[in-house]
Every structure is written in C-alpha cells, then in structure tokens.
Protein backbone atom coordinates (compact mmCIF):
# COMPACT_ATOMS: atom_id res chain seq x y z
CA MET A 1 -104.18 64.59 13.85
CA ASN A 2 -103.41 67.81 12.05
CA THR A 3 -103.29 68.45 8.33
CA ASP A 4 -99.50 68.04 8.03
CA GLU A 5 -99.64 64.66 9.74
CA ARG A 6 -102.43 63.52 7.46
CA ILE A 7 -100.50 64.64 4.39
CA THR A 8 -97.39 62.85 5.64
CA ARG A 9 -99.38 59.67 6.31
CA THR A 10 -101.06 59.88 2.91
CA GLU A 11 -97.71 60.34 1.17
CA ALA A 12 -96.27 57.36 3.04
CA ASN A 13 -99.25 55.24 2.01
CA LEU A 14 -98.85 56.35 -1.60
CA GLU A 15 -95.19 55.33 -1.51
CA LYS A 16 -96.17 51.88 -0.21
CA LEU A 17 -98.81 51.53 -2.91
CA THR A 18 -96.29 52.58 -5.56
CA THR A 19 -93.86 49.93 -4.33
CA VAL A 20 -96.53 47.24 -4.31
CA THR A 21 -97.76 48.24 -7.76
CA ALA A 22 -94.24 48.03 -9.17
CA ALA A 23 -93.79 44.58 -7.63
CA ILE A 24 -97.09 43.38 -9.07
CA ALA A 25 -96.19 44.72 -12.50
CA ALA A 26 -92.88 42.85 -12.40
CA THR A 27 -94.65 39.66 -11.32
CA VAL A 28 -97.18 39.97 -14.14
CA ALA A 29 -94.40 40.52 -16.68
CA ALA A 30 -92.53 37.45 -15.39
CA HIS A 31 -95.73 35.42 -15.54
CA ASP A 32 -96.35 36.54 -19.12
CA ASP A 33 -92.81 35.45 -20.03
CA GLN A 34 -93.44 32.03 -18.47
CA ILE A 35 -96.67 31.65 -20.41
CA GLY A 36 -94.89 32.59 -23.62
CA LYS A 37 -92.22 29.98 -22.98
CA LEU A 38 -94.82 27.32 -22.17
CA ILE A 39 -96.65 28.08 -25.39
CA ALA A 40 -93.39 27.73 -27.33
CA VAL A 41 -92.72 24.36 -25.67
CA ALA A 42 -96.26 23.17 -26.41
CA GLU A 43 -95.95 24.20 -30.06
CA LYS A 44 -92.63 22.35 -30.38
CA GLN A 45 -94.11 19.25 -28.76
CA GLN A 46 -97.08 19.41 -31.10
CA HIS A 47 -94.73 19.69 -34.08
CA ASP A 48 -92.59 16.80 -32.80
CA TRP A 49 -95.68 14.66 -32.17
CA GLU A 50 -96.98 15.29 -35.68
CA GLN A 51 -93.58 14.40 -37.13
CA LEU A 52 -93.46 11.20 -35.08
CA ARG A 53 -96.99 10.31 -36.20
CA ARG A 54 -96.00 10.76 -39.87
CA GLU A 55 -92.85 8.68 -39.41
CA PHE A 56 -94.78 5.93 -37.65
CA GLN A 57 -97.43 5.94 -40.36
CA ALA A 58 -94.68 5.61 -42.98
CA TYR A 59 -93.18 2.72 -41.00
CA LEU A 60 -96.54 0.97 -40.77
CA THR A 61 -96.99 1.41 -44.52
CA THR A 62 -93.72 -0.47 -45.11
CA ILE A 63 -94.90 -3.33 -42.89
CA TYR A 64 -98.49 -3.42 -44.11
CA PRO A 65 -98.58 -1.99 -47.62
CA ARG A 66 -101.92 -0.56 -48.72
CA GLN A 67 -103.68 -2.65 -51.30
C-alpha cells in the first residue's frame, strides 16, 4: 500500500468517524431533551400531589375537626 492509498484510506475513515460523531451528538441532544421533559413532568406531578395532599387534609379537617 503506497502513501496515497494510505492517505485516501485515512481520509475515508475520518469521514466515517465524523458521521458517527455527528450522529452520537444528535442522539445525546435528543436524550437531554427527553430528560428535561421527564424532569418537568415529575415536577408537575410533585406539585399536583402536594396540592392533592393539602386538599385532602382540608377535607379531613372538615370531617374530623381538630380539638
């Protein structure tokens, strides 16, 4: 294998690596977006749960008043 062939092969390999790297970067960005959305859902559920807990506590207080 002569020098030109090696350079051509190396350039081809670099192109493949560039393509793979770009795909991985896109996948990581999409994954980060999913994590962000899951965190937002979890925060909303936590807020909703706390609100429900307060409402239920208020309801129980009407049934069993504190003495």
